[in-house]
Amino acid sequence: MSFKFINGFKPKPIKDDFDGAMDTLLENIHLDYVKWCNGDPVRNDELSLKPGRKFIKIIRDNSVWGFVAKKDGEHKGLPMKVGDVFKAAGWASAAKHVRGNIFDKNQDYFRWTGPNYL
């Protein structure tokens, strides 16, 4: 996805773009799981979303797959942008460093088990 600059500023993604990018992320997580199973999934890979103040938590079965930033800001002293994907540090918190972004064309920063290690 590319953005047009307006007066030198990059506009924030609109909500529809965020929702579409989240849907694409969830689809790609599922596709990676199917690929890992050689096309024959062992079980139904169910993902759910739980919105919070700063992040949307992606839950896979009874574990946290990762977190997606809902807005621009700061996390553990580092800047974050809308759509940044974080590995889970625990059930309720995201790890410090960004692993990727849901708006990037390159979507190889994760596996069905979660965002990649750095």
Protein backbone atom coordinates (compact mmCIF):
# COMPACT_ATOMS: atom_id res chain seq x y z
CA MET A 1 0.00 0.00 0.00
CA SER A 2 1.35 3.41 -0.82
CA PHE A 3 0.33 6.73 0.62
CA LYS A 4 0.24 10.07 -1.17
CA PHE A 5 2.00 12.82 0.69
CA ILE A 6 -0.08 15.91 1.40
CA ASN A 7 2.00 19.05 1.91
CA GLY A 8 4.96 16.84 2.78
CA PHE A 9 3.09 14.88 5.46
CA LYS A 10 2.17 11.23 5.27
CA PRO A 11 -1.51 10.85 6.21
CA LYS A 12 -2.50 8.33 8.85
CA PRO A 13 -4.19 5.18 7.51
CA ILE A 14 -7.95 5.31 7.65
CA LYS A 15 -9.84 2.77 9.73
CA ASP A 16 -10.97 0.76 6.71
CA ASP A 17 -7.32 0.27 5.69
CA PHE A 18 -6.46 -0.87 9.23
CA ASP A 19 -9.32 -3.37 9.32
CA GLY A 20 -8.40 -4.72 5.89
CA ALA A 21 -4.73 -5.03 6.84
CA MET A 22 -5.70 -6.87 10.06
CA ASP A 23 -7.87 -9.26 8.03
CA THR A 24 -4.95 -9.87 5.67
CA LEU A 25 -2.64 -10.57 8.62
CA LEU A 26 -5.08 -13.10 10.09
CA GLU A 27 -5.49 -14.79 6.69
CA ASN A 28 -1.71 -14.98 6.25
CA ILE A 29 -1.26 -16.48 9.73
CA HIS A 30 -3.81 -19.16 8.81
CA LEU A 31 -2.16 -19.78 5.42
CA ASP A 32 1.23 -20.24 7.12
CA TYR A 33 -0.37 -22.80 9.46
CA VAL A 34 -1.89 -24.70 6.52
CA LYS A 35 1.49 -24.63 4.76
CA TRP A 36 3.19 -25.96 7.92
CA CYS A 37 0.63 -28.83 7.97
CA ASN A 38 1.42 -29.64 4.30
CA GLY A 39 -2.06 -28.53 3.26
CA ASP A 40 -3.89 -30.80 5.71
CA PRO A 41 -4.57 -28.83 8.93
CA VAL A 42 -4.64 -31.03 12.02
CA ARG A 43 -7.15 -28.80 13.78
CA ASN A 44 -9.18 -25.68 13.20
CA ASP A 45 -6.78 -22.75 13.61
CA GLU A 46 -8.94 -20.22 15.46
CA LEU A 47 -7.68 -16.68 16.03
CA SER A 48 -9.44 -14.03 18.08
CA LEU A 49 -8.82 -10.35 18.73
CA LYS A 50 -8.99 -8.50 22.03
CA PRO A 51 -8.68 -4.71 21.77
CA GLY A 52 -6.92 -2.80 24.51
CA ARG A 53 -5.91 0.80 25.10
CA LYS A 54 -2.73 0.78 22.93
CA PHE A 55 -2.77 -2.64 21.25
CA ILE A 56 -4.97 -5.28 19.73
CA LYS A 57 -4.02 -8.66 21.18
CA ILE A 58 -4.17 -11.60 18.78
CA ILE A 59 -5.04 -14.81 20.63
CA ARG A 60 -4.51 -18.24 19.12
CA ASP A 61 -6.15 -21.03 21.10
CA ASN A 62 -5.14 -20.22 24.70
CA SER A 63 -1.96 -18.29 23.95
CA VAL A 64 -1.05 -14.82 22.73
CA TRP A 65 0.16 -14.79 19.12
CA GLY A 66 1.26 -11.13 19.31
CA PHE A 67 0.15 -7.51 19.54
CA VAL A 68 -0.68 -4.86 16.91
CA ALA A 69 -0.39 -1.12 17.71
CA LYS A 70 -3.68 0.76 17.41
CA LYS A 71 -2.14 4.23 17.26
CA ASP A 72 1.14 6.09 16.98
CA GLY A 73 2.97 6.56 20.24
CA GLU A 74 5.72 5.13 22.39
CA HIS A 75 6.20 1.65 23.85
CA LYS A 76 8.91 0.92 26.41
CA GLY A 77 10.81 4.03 25.37
CA LEU A 78 10.75 3.34 21.62
CA PRO A 79 8.49 4.95 19.00
CA MET A 80 5.69 2.89 17.49
CA LYS A 81 3.43 3.48 14.51
CA VAL A 82 -0.09 2.34 13.72
CA GLY A 83 0.00 -1.29 12.61
CA ASP A 84 3.36 -2.19 14.17
CA VAL A 85 3.46 -5.86 15.22
CA PHE A 86 5.07 -6.91 18.49
CA LYS A 87 5.93 -10.32 19.88
CA ALA A 88 4.23 -11.11 23.19
CA ALA A 89 6.33 -10.61 26.33
CA GLY A 90 3.56 -12.29 28.31
CA TRP A 91 -0.20 -12.62 28.39
CA ALA A 92 -0.78 -8.91 28.99
CA SER A 93 2.22 -7.12 27.48
CA ALA A 94 4.05 -6.68 24.20
CA ALA A 95 7.80 -7.16 23.82
CA LYS A 96 9.96 -4.08 23.31
CA HIS A 97 10.89 -4.19 19.62
CA VAL A 98 8.76 -3.99 16.48
CA ARG A 99 8.81 -7.15 14.31
CA GLY A 100 6.93 -5.79 11.29
CA ASN A 101 3.91 -3.76 10.25
CA ILE A 102 0.56 -4.87 8.89
CA PHE A 103 0.78 -2.23 6.13
CA ASP A 104 4.14 -3.46 4.74
CA LYS A 105 4.16 -5.28 1.43
CA ASN A 106 6.80 -7.64 2.84
CA GLN A 107 4.90 -9.98 5.18
CA ASP A 108 7.66 -12.44 6.14
CA TYR A 109 8.16 -11.21 9.71
CA PHE A 110 5.94 -13.86 11.31
CA ARG A 111 4.97 -17.52 11.38
CA TRP A 112 1.72 -19.14 12.48
CA THR A 113 3.26 -19.46 15.96
CA GLY A 114 3.93 -15.72 16.32
CA PRO A 115 6.13 -12.85 15.17
CA ASN A 116 9.74 -13.82 14.48
CA TYR A 117 12.56 -13.27 16.95
CA LEU A 118 14.98 -10.46 16.13
